[in-house]
Amino acid sequence: MRVLQVRKLTDEKWLNLFEASFEHNGHQGRWLFASRKADPKEAGQRADAVIIVPVLLAGGQPPRLVLVREFRVAVNGYIYGFPAGLLEKGEPIDECIRRELAEETGLELVRVKRLSGGLYSSAGLTDEAVVVAFVDVRAVDGIGPQLEESEDLEVVLLDHDGVRRLCDDPAAHFDARCWMALYLYEQLGKLV
């Protein structure tokens, strides 16, 4: 398969639509996709965003998985997911993790346990690459989320039993990555 041309169809700040023409086995086709990049053909696939899988470790309490329940306009409803955000130009991944944790949860990064490489969130629709970060966090007295006016988000703390209950709740709506992580934690029987 060979991409012949990519043409920008929209001019928005955070996300744009592109049309790609391609050739494969003598067939020519057209594909529409979204990109956060100014030029999706730019060399190298740097990460566009981080998804943070935080575990809150607080003395005397069982470990708790930190989720957010957030209104998402595209689905016209609330979904459970993990704290996440876009990398700012030139921003190191660990700084983006710290910033997004503070903004969305009010929690402080203690330790990065594991970072993925760039993963594609929905390769049929977008070239967006995300880094998944498994981290330990702690609460900071008197500090809470610092949400933008357009954000409708609540922090949800789940011990293992809470993970199990939420994962099995047929009325709950999830980000796909969040549900997979919940199911994995449920099957493992522990959070750490």
Foldseek 3Di string as FASTA:
>chain_A
DAWDDKAWDDDDQQKTKIKIWGDDPNDIDIAIAMERDPDVVDPDDAAFKEFEFEWEDDPPDAIWTKWKFWQDPVVRHTAIGGQMDTDDVPHDPVVRVQVSCCQAFVKGFDDWPDKDHFDALDVRHYPHTYIYTYTYIYHDPPGGHNYDPPIDMDMDIGFLVRLVVQLPDPVHHYRVVRNVVSVVSNVVVGDD
